[in-house]
Amino acid sequence: MMDDNNSNASEEGVYTPESTHSDYSAYSSIDSTAHLLDTIGIDRSLRDVEIENKVDLFNLLEISSNKEQDEVFIKKFGLKSIGTFGGICLLIGNCTGPGMVNISYEFQQGGWILTFIGYLFMLVLSSLAGLFIIESMSTIPGNSKFQLRVEFTMICRFYFGKFGYILSQVFINSSLLISNIASIIICAQVMDSIILFIFKKTCGVSFSQGWVCIGEMDIVSFEQSSPFSEYMLFTLGYLSIIAIVVPLGFLNLNDNIIIQVACVGIMLVIVGSWIVIFVMLGLHPDNLPPIGTMSGISQIMGNCMFNYAYITTIPSWVNESKPSVNVKKSIWISSSISTAIFIMVGVLGGLTFANMSTDSDILSLINSSSRSNLFSKFTVYLFPFIVLASSIPVFSIIVRYNLTQNRLLSPCYANFIAILLPWIIVIPFQTGSWLNNISNYSSLFFGSIANFIIPFALYLKSIQFKRTNHSNLSTDQKLILTEISYETVDWEENDFIITHFKTLSYIPTKFSKLIAQISLALLCILIPIVIISNFYFI
């Protein structure tokens, strides 16, 4: 009898836009409410008392029967259609960014022993941060198997309250937008270099001279970041990037997965070609010391942390993952693959090139090596575009999700801030490097807090909330549950979760809490040191 009730409740709990209001009638019964409370995880002994509170809690999670409203939410947010392979590619793409080109220099200056340990440490720390925020999502009532749509900033509002919600909007969205600003500048400059490489000239409109064209003979210094030496209103590279990237930002996250898969595939081919060149040039152990200089050692953690700033994308990925996706395994696989790529490029590149300078990066060294060919030159131009341009729409989408959930902003204003504003900000600074440097340091500050401090703090807060057995919901938490229930269209449950998600399955919660507390304490000490050392040794 119990199996039949559970089966019926499960079938009724999966919503489709074609459903009618009568399909939800069973949800008003006490039996269906009891099944929902099973899903939430309320202790059975609590159901014999205060029955009105149980019905109230159920009503907070009642599924919308408004078809027109559901169609709006389908367009505003993506559905659960991201598979395992697509999700892993998404996470790898967000993890392997522009910092890869300087990893060999980091290994050489910091020494391979401490740098290797640093990347292994960040592999574990970033994976735990991602998994702890997923567990915090699972602790929210009604979301034990990720049935509800809960974005990163909404998790913060549920556990931290309105003030924490405002701060999280600032730190999380600033981290993503600043990363996009830096990526847009680099992509525009790289695209101008590609146009110059293929067509022997590139053009644009400057603030002082109007329409200008630059050929290879007109470049003052090949070390400058842009072919143009003056301030530009726009360039052909900038306009080309807009045409390619901006439309992708108006799509949903699940619509961008095919782009992420393709870009990760191309990135792996490019990295493979680098490894071949490293071997052909010869690996020399004397080039890579076991212990580096003091300035190199002091910047190890900052560089490592910069390369693992993908945690802010995890809640949105979980929201749109298929029920068949094992999110825990996907996190560990993607972070392990990314770490393996970092270490291979860092160690092999450090063994190949001697006495790398602060201005050295793998791209320029390969381009000037004796084994350079047409394909390697093309990959040098293509790599920054592939790893950066693919992440710009993803970050824009996640900012839009954060701003539109709970109807903080209308889709029109959210799209302007998330997608268009970064492109407007970079217009006067496309050809310079100082705004990019400021963006990198700002990203380090906002990104370290958004990707590491907030996830561990959320997990500790969720443990405290879990002890109440969901029996002491605040007014704001009730409003949050009501809102996210109406913003959820795809109510499918994750197949790999029996009761609720747990980061460390075989470790008692008190030890998981201790790990989170130690990690948070270390980060609170480490992050200021990282920021100060990056300024001091610049």
Protein backbone atom coordinates (compact mmCIF):
# COMPACT_ATOMS: atom_id res chain seq x y z
CA MET A 1 0.00 0.00 0.00
CA MET A 2 2.86 2.36 0.88
CA ASP A 3 4.58 1.66 -2.46
CA ASP A 4 1.39 2.48 -4.35
CA ASN A 5 1.00 5.78 -2.54
CA ASN A 6 4.62 6.71 -3.18
CA SER A 7 4.32 5.73 -6.82
CA ASN A 8 1.21 7.85 -7.33
CA ALA A 9 2.71 10.80 -5.54
CA SER A 10 5.86 10.52 -7.64
CA GLU A 11 3.91 10.46 -10.88
CA GLU A 12 1.84 13.46 -9.86
CA GLY A 13 4.95 15.30 -8.68
CA VAL A 14 6.46 15.54 -12.17
CA TYR A 15 4.98 18.57 -13.83
CA THR A 16 4.56 19.14 -17.54
CA PRO A 17 3.27 22.37 -19.12
CA GLU A 18 0.31 20.45 -20.58
CA SER A 19 -1.00 19.56 -17.13
CA THR A 20 -4.33 20.97 -15.97
CA HIS A 21 -5.38 22.21 -12.58
CA SER A 22 -7.10 18.90 -11.82
CA ASP A 23 -3.73 17.15 -12.05
CA TYR A 24 -2.71 18.87 -8.82
CA SER A 25 -5.82 18.09 -6.81
CA ALA A 26 -4.20 15.17 -5.03
CA TYR A 27 -1.59 17.50 -3.63
CA SER A 28 -4.15 19.02 -1.30
CA SER A 29 -4.58 15.73 0.54
CA ILE A 30 -2.79 14.84 3.75
CA ASP A 31 -1.32 11.71 2.12
CA SER A 32 0.38 13.74 -0.59
CA THR A 33 1.56 16.22 2.01
CA ALA A 34 3.08 13.37 4.02
CA HIS A 35 4.89 12.17 0.89
CA LEU A 36 6.22 15.68 0.32
CA LEU A 37 7.40 15.83 3.91
CA ASP A 38 9.22 12.54 3.30
CA THR A 39 11.00 14.27 0.44
CA ILE A 40 11.84 17.28 2.59
CA GLY A 41 13.08 15.09 5.42
CA ILE A 42 10.82 16.07 8.32
CA ASP A 43 10.97 13.57 11.17
CA ARG A 44 7.89 11.33 11.22
CA SER A 45 7.29 12.01 14.92
CA LEU A 46 6.62 15.66 14.13
CA ARG A 47 3.69 14.83 11.85
CA ASP A 48 1.40 13.86 14.70
CA VAL A 49 1.37 17.40 16.05
CA GLU A 50 0.73 20.84 14.63
CA ILE A 51 -0.92 19.50 11.48
CA GLU A 52 -1.70 23.06 10.33
CA ASN A 53 2.01 23.85 10.12
CA LYS A 54 2.54 20.81 7.90
CA VAL A 55 -0.19 21.95 5.55
CA ASP A 56 1.26 25.45 5.56
CA LEU A 57 4.69 24.04 4.68
CA PHE A 58 3.12 22.02 1.89
CA ASN A 59 1.30 25.05 0.54
CA LEU A 60 4.62 26.85 0.24
CA LEU A 61 5.73 24.21 -2.26
CA GLU A 62 2.51 23.94 -4.26
CA ILE A 63 3.16 23.64 -7.99
CA SER A 64 1.92 26.44 -10.20
CA SER A 65 -0.94 25.62 -12.56
CA ASN A 66 -0.65 28.81 -14.58
CA LYS A 67 0.41 27.75 -18.08
CA GLU A 68 1.25 31.27 -19.26
CA GLN A 69 3.43 31.87 -16.22
CA ASP A 70 5.21 28.55 -16.76
CA GLU A 71 6.01 29.47 -20.35
CA VAL A 72 7.64 32.67 -19.09
CA PHE A 73 9.81 30.73 -16.63
CA ILE A 74 10.79 28.19 -19.30
CA LYS A 75 12.19 31.07 -21.37
CA LYS A 76 13.81 32.77 -18.35
CA PHE A 77 15.55 29.63 -17.05
CA GLY A 78 16.76 26.43 -18.71
CA LEU A 79 15.34 22.96 -18.15
CA LYS A 80 17.09 19.85 -16.79
CA SER A 81 18.73 18.75 -20.02
CA ILE A 82 22.50 18.88 -19.34
CA GLY A 83 23.98 15.37 -19.39
CA THR A 84 27.05 14.03 -17.64
CA PHE A 85 29.52 14.63 -20.47
CA GLY A 86 28.18 18.12 -21.22
CA GLY A 87 28.31 19.06 -17.54
CA ILE A 88 31.91 17.88 -17.15
CA CYS A 89 32.91 19.89 -20.23
CA LEU A 90 31.13 22.95 -18.82
CA LEU A 91 33.02 22.71 -15.53
CA ILE A 92 36.38 22.03 -17.24
CA GLY A 93 35.83 24.99 -19.55
CA ASN A 94 35.08 27.29 -16.61
CA CYS A 95 38.13 26.00 -14.71
CA THR A 96 40.78 26.05 -17.45
CA GLY A 97 41.05 29.73 -18.23
CA PRO A 98 43.67 32.30 -19.24
CA GLY A 99 45.88 31.43 -16.26
CA MET A 100 47.06 28.33 -18.10
CA VAL A 101 49.48 30.32 -20.27
CA ASN A 102 51.52 31.36 -17.20
CA ILE A 103 51.53 28.04 -15.33
CA SER A 104 54.97 26.99 -16.63
CA TYR A 105 56.44 30.23 -15.30
CA GLU A 106 54.74 29.59 -11.94
CA PHE A 107 56.25 26.10 -11.70
CA GLN A 108 59.69 27.43 -12.61
CA GLN A 109 59.64 30.40 -10.20
CA GLY A 110 57.88 28.68 -7.32
CA GLY A 111 59.60 25.32 -7.71
CA TRP A 112 57.83 22.18 -8.84
CA ILE A 113 57.41 20.63 -5.37
CA LEU A 114 55.46 23.43 -3.68
CA THR A 115 53.56 24.36 -6.85
CA PHE A 116 52.55 20.73 -7.37
CA ILE A 117 51.33 20.55 -3.76
CA GLY A 118 49.49 23.85 -4.23
CA TYR A 119 47.51 22.54 -7.20
CA LEU A 120 46.65 19.29 -5.41
CA PHE A 121 45.50 21.32 -2.39
CA MET A 122 43.29 23.52 -4.58
CA LEU A 123 41.93 20.42 -6.34
CA VAL A 124 40.62 19.14 -3.00
CA LEU A 125 39.59 22.54 -1.63
CA SER A 126 37.68 23.63 -4.75
CA SER A 127 35.94 20.26 -5.05
CA LEU A 128 34.86 20.42 -1.41
CA ALA A 129 33.66 24.00 -1.87
CA GLY A 130 31.56 22.94 -4.85
CA LEU A 131 30.16 19.86 -3.11
CA PHE A 132 29.40 21.74 0.11
CA ILE A 133 27.36 24.33 -1.76
CA ILE A 134 25.48 21.49 -3.48
CA GLU A 135 24.73 19.98 -0.08
CA SER A 136 23.49 23.39 1.08
CA MET A 137 21.11 23.38 -1.88
CA SER A 138 19.88 19.91 -0.95
CA THR A 139 19.15 21.00 2.64
CA ILE A 140 16.58 23.59 1.52
CA PRO A 141 13.07 22.16 2.18
CA GLY A 142 11.63 20.42 -0.85
CA ASN A 143 14.99 20.35 -2.66
CA SER A 144 16.56 17.21 -1.19
CA LYS A 145 16.92 15.73 -4.69
CA PHE A 146 17.29 19.06 -6.52
CA GLN A 147 13.64 19.30 -7.50
CA LEU A 148 13.52 23.09 -7.11
CA ARG A 149 15.23 25.87 -9.03
CA VAL A 150 17.63 27.52 -6.54
CA GLU A 151 20.34 29.86 -7.80
CA PHE A 152 23.53 30.74 -5.90
CA THR A 153 22.32 34.10 -4.55
CA MET A 154 18.97 32.60 -3.54
CA ILE A 155 20.79 29.98 -1.45
CA CYS A 156 22.55 32.88 0.26
CA ARG A 157 19.26 34.64 0.93
CA PHE A 158 17.70 31.49 2.41
CA TYR A 159 20.54 30.97 4.89
CA PHE A 160 22.01 34.46 5.39
CA GLY A 161 18.89 36.64 5.16
CA LYS A 162 18.33 39.80 3.15
CA PHE A 163 21.56 41.54 4.12
CA GLY A 164 23.61 38.47 3.20
CA TYR A 165 21.61 38.25 -0.01
CA ILE A 166 22.62 41.79 -0.99
CA LEU A 167 26.28 41.13 -0.22
CA SER A 168 26.21 37.86 -2.14
CA GLN A 169 24.72 39.62 -5.17
CA VAL A 170 27.59 42.11 -5.05
CA PHE A 171 30.41 39.59 -4.59
CA ILE A 172 29.14 36.77 -6.82
CA ASN A 173 27.96 38.92 -9.73
CA SER A 174 30.95 41.29 -9.48
CA SER A 175 33.28 38.29 -9.65
CA LEU A 176 31.59 37.03 -12.82
CA LEU A 177 31.26 40.45 -14.49
CA ILE A 178 34.87 41.45 -13.77
CA SER A 179 36.05 38.15 -15.24
CA ASN A 180 33.99 38.88 -18.34
CA ILE A 181 35.44 42.38 -18.67
CA ALA A 182 38.98 41.00 -18.62
CA SER A 183 38.03 38.22 -21.05
CA ILE A 184 36.37 40.63 -23.48
CA ILE A 185 39.48 42.85 -23.61
CA ILE A 186 41.78 39.88 -24.28
CA CYS A 187 39.40 38.33 -26.84
CA ALA A 188 39.05 41.59 -28.77
CA GLN A 189 42.83 42.02 -28.86
CA VAL A 190 43.38 38.40 -29.91
CA MET A 191 40.73 38.65 -32.62
CA ASP A 192 42.44 41.75 -34.03
CA SER A 193 45.71 39.79 -34.04
CA ILE A 194 44.00 36.89 -35.85
CA ILE A 195 42.58 39.28 -38.46
CA LEU A 196 46.03 40.84 -38.86
CA PHE A 197 47.61 37.37 -39.18
CA ILE A 198 45.15 36.22 -41.85
CA PHE A 199 44.42 39.41 -43.83
CA LYS A 200 47.70 41.29 -43.08
CA LYS A 201 45.80 44.27 -41.63
CA THR A 202 43.02 45.14 -39.20
CA CYS A 203 40.98 48.32 -38.87
CA GLY A 204 38.89 50.29 -36.39
CA VAL A 205 37.68 53.72 -35.33
CA SER A 206 39.90 55.68 -32.92
CA PHE A 207 38.79 58.56 -30.74
CA SER A 208 41.40 60.91 -32.22
CA GLN A 209 41.89 59.90 -35.88
CA GLY A 210 38.64 58.25 -36.90
CA TRP A 211 38.90 55.25 -39.23
CA VAL A 212 42.40 53.73 -39.13
CA CYS A 213 43.95 50.53 -40.46
CA ILE A 214 47.04 48.80 -39.06
CA GLY A 215 49.38 46.49 -40.97
CA GLU A 216 52.22 44.33 -39.69
CA MET A 217 54.75 47.05 -40.56
CA ASP A 218 52.80 49.65 -38.53
CA ILE A 219 53.05 47.81 -35.20
CA VAL A 220 55.34 49.71 -32.83
CA SER A 221 56.14 46.72 -30.61
CA PHE A 222 55.20 43.06 -31.00
CA GLU A 223 55.11 42.79 -27.20
CA GLN A 224 52.09 45.11 -26.93
CA SER A 225 48.78 43.41 -26.22
CA SER A 226 46.85 45.03 -29.07
CA PRO A 227 47.89 45.86 -32.65
CA PHE A 228 46.55 49.38 -32.02
CA SER A 229 48.59 51.83 -29.95
CA GLU A 230 45.86 54.43 -29.32
CA TYR A 231 42.41 54.47 -27.71
CA MET A 232 39.76 52.97 -29.99
CA LEU A 233 35.99 53.37 -30.10
CA PHE A 234 35.78 49.94 -31.70
CA THR A 235 37.90 47.61 -33.80
CA LEU A 236 37.06 44.81 -36.22
CA GLY A 237 38.16 42.33 -33.57
CA TYR A 238 35.82 43.86 -30.98
CA LEU A 239 32.86 43.85 -33.39
CA SER A 240 33.62 40.26 -34.44
CA ILE A 241 33.60 39.10 -30.81
CA ILE A 242 30.29 40.89 -30.21
CA ALA A 243 28.71 39.16 -33.18
CA ILE A 244 29.91 35.73 -32.03
CA VAL A 245 29.52 35.91 -28.24
CA VAL A 246 26.68 38.30 -27.33
CA PRO A 247 23.83 36.25 -28.89
CA LEU A 248 24.91 33.22 -26.82
CA GLY A 249 24.41 35.24 -23.62
CA PHE A 250 20.69 35.60 -24.32
CA LEU A 251 20.28 31.82 -24.38
CA ASN A 252 19.96 29.61 -21.31
CA LEU A 253 22.79 27.58 -19.81
CA ASN A 254 21.59 24.27 -21.24
CA ASP A 255 21.48 25.83 -24.73
CA ASN A 256 25.21 26.65 -24.50
CA ILE A 257 26.43 23.14 -23.70
CA ILE A 258 27.22 22.20 -27.30
CA ILE A 259 29.53 25.24 -27.47
CA GLN A 260 31.25 24.19 -24.24
CA VAL A 261 31.80 20.64 -25.50
CA ALA A 262 33.29 21.90 -28.77
CA CYS A 263 35.58 24.43 -27.06
CA VAL A 264 36.88 21.90 -24.52
CA GLY A 265 37.60 19.47 -27.37
CA ILE A 266 39.55 22.12 -29.28
CA MET A 267 41.37 23.15 -26.10
CA LEU A 268 42.49 19.55 -25.47
CA VAL A 269 43.80 19.30 -29.07
CA ILE A 270 45.75 22.54 -28.61
CA VAL A 271 47.23 21.41 -25.27
CA GLY A 272 48.15 18.07 -26.89
CA SER A 273 50.01 19.92 -29.65
CA TRP A 274 51.89 21.92 -26.99
CA ILE A 275 53.00 18.73 -25.24
CA VAL A 276 54.30 17.36 -28.55
CA ILE A 277 56.29 20.58 -29.12
CA PHE A 278 57.68 20.40 -25.55
CA VAL A 279 58.96 16.87 -26.15
CA MET A 280 60.40 17.77 -29.56
CA LEU A 281 62.27 20.75 -28.11
CA GLY A 282 63.65 18.57 -25.30
CA LEU A 283 62.99 18.34 -21.57
CA HIS A 284 65.82 19.60 -19.37
CA PRO A 285 65.57 18.90 -15.59
CA ASP A 286 67.92 21.80 -14.79
CA ASN A 287 65.23 24.25 -16.01
CA LEU A 288 62.79 23.29 -13.26
CA PRO A 289 64.11 23.66 -9.69
CA PRO A 290 62.43 21.73 -6.84
CA ILE A 291 62.25 24.91 -4.71
CA GLY A 292 61.89 28.34 -6.30
CA THR A 293 62.51 31.93 -5.32
CA MET A 294 60.75 33.67 -2.42
CA SER A 295 58.68 35.86 -4.74
CA GLY A 296 57.65 32.82 -6.77
CA ILE A 297 56.72 30.80 -3.68
CA SER A 298 54.66 33.69 -2.27
CA GLN A 299 52.46 33.77 -5.37
CA ILE A 300 51.80 30.04 -5.70
CA MET A 301 48.44 30.00 -3.90
CA GLY A 302 47.18 33.12 -5.62
CA ASN A 303 47.91 31.67 -9.03
CA CYS A 304 46.41 28.31 -8.07
CA MET A 305 43.27 29.91 -6.62
CA PHE A 306 42.80 32.01 -9.77
CA ASN A 307 42.66 28.83 -11.87
CA TYR A 308 39.89 27.21 -9.79
CA ALA A 309 37.34 30.02 -9.79
CA TYR A 310 34.51 27.93 -11.21
CA ILE A 311 32.42 27.34 -8.05
CA THR A 312 30.00 30.18 -8.85
CA THR A 313 28.73 28.22 -11.87
CA ILE A 314 27.90 25.03 -9.95
CA PRO A 315 24.38 25.83 -8.61
CA SER A 316 23.10 26.78 -12.07
CA TRP A 317 24.66 23.62 -13.52
CA VAL A 318 22.96 21.47 -10.87
CA ASN A 319 19.63 23.17 -11.57
CA GLU A 320 19.80 22.21 -15.25
CA SER A 321 21.44 18.78 -14.98
CA LYS A 322 19.51 15.70 -16.00
CA PRO A 323 18.30 13.40 -13.18
CA SER A 324 20.76 10.78 -14.44
CA VAL A 325 23.80 12.98 -13.64
CA ASN A 326 25.93 11.98 -10.66
CA VAL A 327 26.90 15.50 -9.57
CA LYS A 328 29.47 14.36 -7.00
CA LYS A 329 31.37 12.24 -9.50
CA SER A 330 31.14 14.99 -12.14
CA ILE A 331 32.74 17.51 -9.77
CA TRP A 332 35.69 15.26 -8.94
CA ILE A 333 36.21 14.19 -12.57
CA SER A 334 36.18 17.73 -13.96
CA SER A 335 38.45 19.16 -11.24
CA SER A 336 40.86 16.20 -11.58
CA ILE A 337 41.08 16.54 -15.36
CA SER A 338 41.65 20.29 -15.05
CA THR A 339 44.37 19.74 -12.46
CA ALA A 340 46.07 17.13 -14.66
CA ILE A 341 46.11 19.64 -17.54
CA PHE A 342 47.55 22.35 -15.28
CA ILE A 343 50.33 20.11 -13.99
CA MET A 344 51.26 18.68 -17.42
CA VAL A 345 51.49 22.11 -19.04
CA GLY A 346 53.30 23.59 -16.04
CA VAL A 347 55.88 20.85 -15.56
CA LEU A 348 56.61 20.08 -19.22
CA GLY A 349 56.70 23.75 -20.21
CA GLY A 350 58.99 24.53 -17.27
CA LEU A 351 61.33 21.68 -18.27
CA THR A 352 61.43 22.90 -21.89
CA PHE A 353 62.12 26.64 -21.62
CA ALA A 354 64.97 28.00 -19.51
CA ASN A 355 64.98 31.21 -17.47
CA MET A 356 61.44 32.33 -18.18
CA SER A 357 60.81 36.01 -17.44
CA THR A 358 57.80 37.69 -15.87
CA ASP A 359 56.55 38.62 -19.35
CA SER A 360 56.95 35.06 -20.62
CA ASP A 361 53.98 32.86 -21.38
CA ILE A 362 53.64 29.56 -23.17
CA LEU A 363 52.01 31.17 -26.21
CA SER A 364 54.88 33.55 -26.98
CA LEU A 365 57.55 30.95 -26.20
CA ILE A 366 56.01 28.36 -28.52
CA ASN A 367 55.54 30.98 -31.22
CA SER A 368 59.23 31.92 -31.12
CA SER A 369 60.60 28.38 -30.73
CA SER A 370 62.50 26.46 -33.41
CA ARG A 371 59.61 23.97 -33.70
CA SER A 372 57.05 26.65 -34.45
CA ASN A 373 54.96 26.02 -37.56
CA LEU A 374 51.78 27.30 -39.17
CA PHE A 375 49.58 25.09 -36.96
CA SER A 376 51.34 26.12 -33.74
CA LYS A 377 51.11 29.78 -34.69
CA PHE A 378 47.39 29.39 -35.34
CA THR A 379 46.84 27.64 -31.98
CA VAL A 380 48.68 30.49 -30.23
CA TYR A 381 46.05 32.89 -31.57
CA LEU A 382 43.15 30.47 -31.16
CA PHE A 383 43.77 29.32 -27.57
CA PRO A 384 42.90 32.58 -25.71
CA PHE A 385 39.80 32.96 -27.85
CA ILE A 386 38.62 29.38 -27.18
CA VAL A 387 39.14 29.36 -23.42
CA LEU A 388 37.81 32.90 -22.83
CA ALA A 389 35.07 33.46 -25.41
CA SER A 390 33.30 30.25 -24.37
CA SER A 391 33.12 31.35 -20.71
CA ILE A 392 31.78 34.87 -21.37
CA PRO A 393 28.19 33.80 -22.22
CA VAL A 394 28.16 31.26 -19.37
CA PHE A 395 29.06 33.91 -16.79
CA SER A 396 26.55 36.34 -18.33
CA ILE A 397 23.79 33.74 -18.09
CA ILE A 398 24.55 32.99 -14.44
CA VAL A 399 24.52 36.71 -13.55
CA ARG A 400 21.15 36.99 -15.31
CA TYR A 401 19.83 33.97 -13.40
CA ASN A 402 20.94 35.50 -10.09
CA LEU A 403 19.33 38.85 -10.89
CA THR A 404 16.03 37.50 -12.18
CA GLN A 405 15.28 34.79 -9.60
CA ASN A 406 12.98 36.12 -6.90
CA ARG A 407 12.15 38.85 -9.46
CA LEU A 408 14.90 41.15 -8.18
CA LEU A 409 15.14 42.68 -11.66
CA SER A 410 13.10 42.31 -14.79
CA PRO A 411 14.67 40.22 -17.59
CA CYS A 412 15.28 43.43 -19.58
CA TYR A 413 17.38 45.10 -16.87
CA ALA A 414 19.07 41.83 -15.92
CA ASN A 415 20.11 41.22 -19.54
CA PHE A 416 21.52 44.74 -19.77
CA ILE A 417 23.68 44.33 -16.65
CA ALA A 418 24.71 40.72 -17.29
CA ILE A 419 25.29 40.80 -21.05
CA LEU A 420 25.64 44.33 -22.42
CA LEU A 421 27.20 46.38 -19.60
CA PRO A 422 30.64 44.67 -19.66
CA TRP A 423 30.91 45.31 -23.41
CA ILE A 424 30.13 49.01 -22.89
CA ILE A 425 32.66 49.38 -20.05
CA VAL A 426 35.57 48.04 -22.12
CA ILE A 427 35.00 50.35 -25.14
CA PRO A 428 37.62 52.99 -24.17
CA PHE A 429 40.07 50.38 -22.87
CA GLN A 430 40.24 47.77 -25.65
CA THR A 431 43.85 48.55 -26.52
CA GLY A 432 45.28 49.16 -23.05
CA SER A 433 46.45 46.77 -20.37
CA TRP A 434 45.91 48.72 -17.14
CA LEU A 435 42.13 48.06 -16.97
CA ASN A 436 42.85 44.38 -17.53
CA ASN A 437 45.35 44.44 -14.64
CA ILE A 438 42.80 46.12 -12.38
CA SER A 439 40.23 43.53 -13.43
CA ASN A 440 42.60 40.70 -12.54
CA TYR A 441 43.21 42.01 -9.02
CA SER A 442 39.52 42.81 -8.50
CA SER A 443 38.65 39.34 -9.74
CA LEU A 444 41.09 37.87 -7.22
CA PHE A 445 39.36 39.73 -4.37
CA PHE A 446 35.73 39.17 -5.39
CA GLY A 447 36.39 35.75 -6.90
CA SER A 448 38.14 34.28 -3.87
CA ILE A 449 35.26 35.29 -1.59
CA ALA A 450 32.53 34.19 -4.02
CA ASN A 451 34.14 30.86 -4.93
CA PHE A 452 35.58 29.78 -1.58
CA ILE A 453 34.47 31.79 1.46
CA ILE A 454 30.74 31.87 0.70
CA PRO A 455 30.35 28.10 -0.12
CA PHE A 456 31.95 26.96 3.15
CA ALA A 457 29.99 29.54 5.15
CA LEU A 458 26.76 28.39 3.48
CA TYR A 459 27.46 24.78 4.38
CA LEU A 460 28.04 25.61 8.05
CA LYS A 461 24.81 27.62 8.08
CA SER A 462 22.91 24.75 6.43
CA ILE A 463 24.05 22.35 9.17
CA GLN A 464 22.67 24.74 11.76
CA PHE A 465 19.38 24.95 9.82
CA LYS A 466 19.17 21.17 9.44
CA ARG A 467 19.17 20.73 13.22
CA THR A 468 15.83 22.55 13.40
CA ASN A 469 14.21 19.84 11.22
CA HIS A 470 12.81 22.67 9.06
CA SER A 471 10.33 23.46 11.86
CA ASN A 472 11.35 27.08 12.39
CA LEU A 473 11.07 28.75 9.01
CA SER A 474 11.24 32.53 9.04
CA THR A 475 8.77 34.65 7.12
CA ASP A 476 11.40 35.44 4.51
CA GLN A 477 12.28 31.75 4.10
CA LYS A 478 8.61 30.95 3.53
CA LEU A 479 8.44 33.64 0.87
CA ILE A 480 11.58 32.24 -0.75
CA LEU A 481 10.09 28.73 -0.90
CA THR A 482 6.89 30.12 -2.39
CA GLU A 483 8.75 32.06 -5.05
CA ILE A 484 11.16 29.32 -6.11
CA SER A 485 8.29 26.82 -6.31
CA TYR A 486 6.61 29.06 -8.88
CA GLU A 487 9.89 29.49 -10.75
CA THR A 488 10.38 25.72 -10.98
CA VAL A 489 8.91 23.98 -14.00
CA ASP A 490 11.05 20.85 -14.27
CA TRP A 491 10.46 18.95 -11.00
CA GLU A 492 12.44 15.79 -11.76
CA GLU A 493 14.46 14.25 -8.91
CA ASN A 494 18.10 13.22 -9.14
CA ASP A 495 18.42 9.45 -9.56
CA PHE A 496 21.55 9.12 -7.41
CA ILE A 497 20.11 10.60 -4.21
CA ILE A 498 18.14 8.35 -1.86
CA THR A 499 17.25 10.86 0.87
CA HIS A 500 19.44 13.95 0.47
CA PHE A 501 22.83 14.86 -0.96
CA LYS A 502 25.88 14.39 1.28
CA THR A 503 29.36 15.57 0.35
CA LEU A 504 31.29 13.03 2.43
CA SER A 505 29.02 9.99 2.42
CA TYR A 506 30.90 7.84 4.91
CA ILE A 507 31.96 10.57 7.33
CA PRO A 508 29.72 11.79 10.19
CA THR A 509 28.37 15.30 9.84
CA LYS A 510 30.41 16.54 12.80
CA PHE A 511 33.64 15.69 10.95
CA SER A 512 32.35 17.30 7.73
CA LYS A 513 31.56 20.39 9.78
CA LEU A 514 35.08 20.35 11.24
CA ILE A 515 36.59 20.10 7.74
CA ALA A 516 34.49 23.07 6.60
CA GLN A 517 35.48 25.12 9.66
CA ILE A 518 39.18 24.41 9.18
CA SER A 519 38.93 25.20 5.44
CA LEU A 520 37.10 28.46 6.13
CA ALA A 521 39.66 29.49 8.76
CA LEU A 522 42.56 28.73 6.42
CA LEU A 523 40.94 30.70 3.62
CA CYS A 524 40.31 33.71 5.85
CA ILE A 525 44.05 33.74 6.60
CA LEU A 526 45.23 32.75 3.13
CA ILE A 527 43.19 35.12 0.95
CA PRO A 528 44.49 38.40 2.50
CA ILE A 529 48.05 37.04 2.27
CA VAL A 530 47.49 36.12 -1.39
CA ILE A 531 46.11 39.57 -2.25
CA ILE A 532 48.89 41.43 -0.42
CA SER A 533 51.66 39.26 -1.92
CA ASN A 534 50.31 39.79 -5.44
CA PHE A 535 50.51 43.56 -4.96
CA TYR A 536 53.89 43.45 -3.22
CA PHE A 537 55.66 41.27 -5.79
CA ILE A 538 54.08 42.86 -8.88
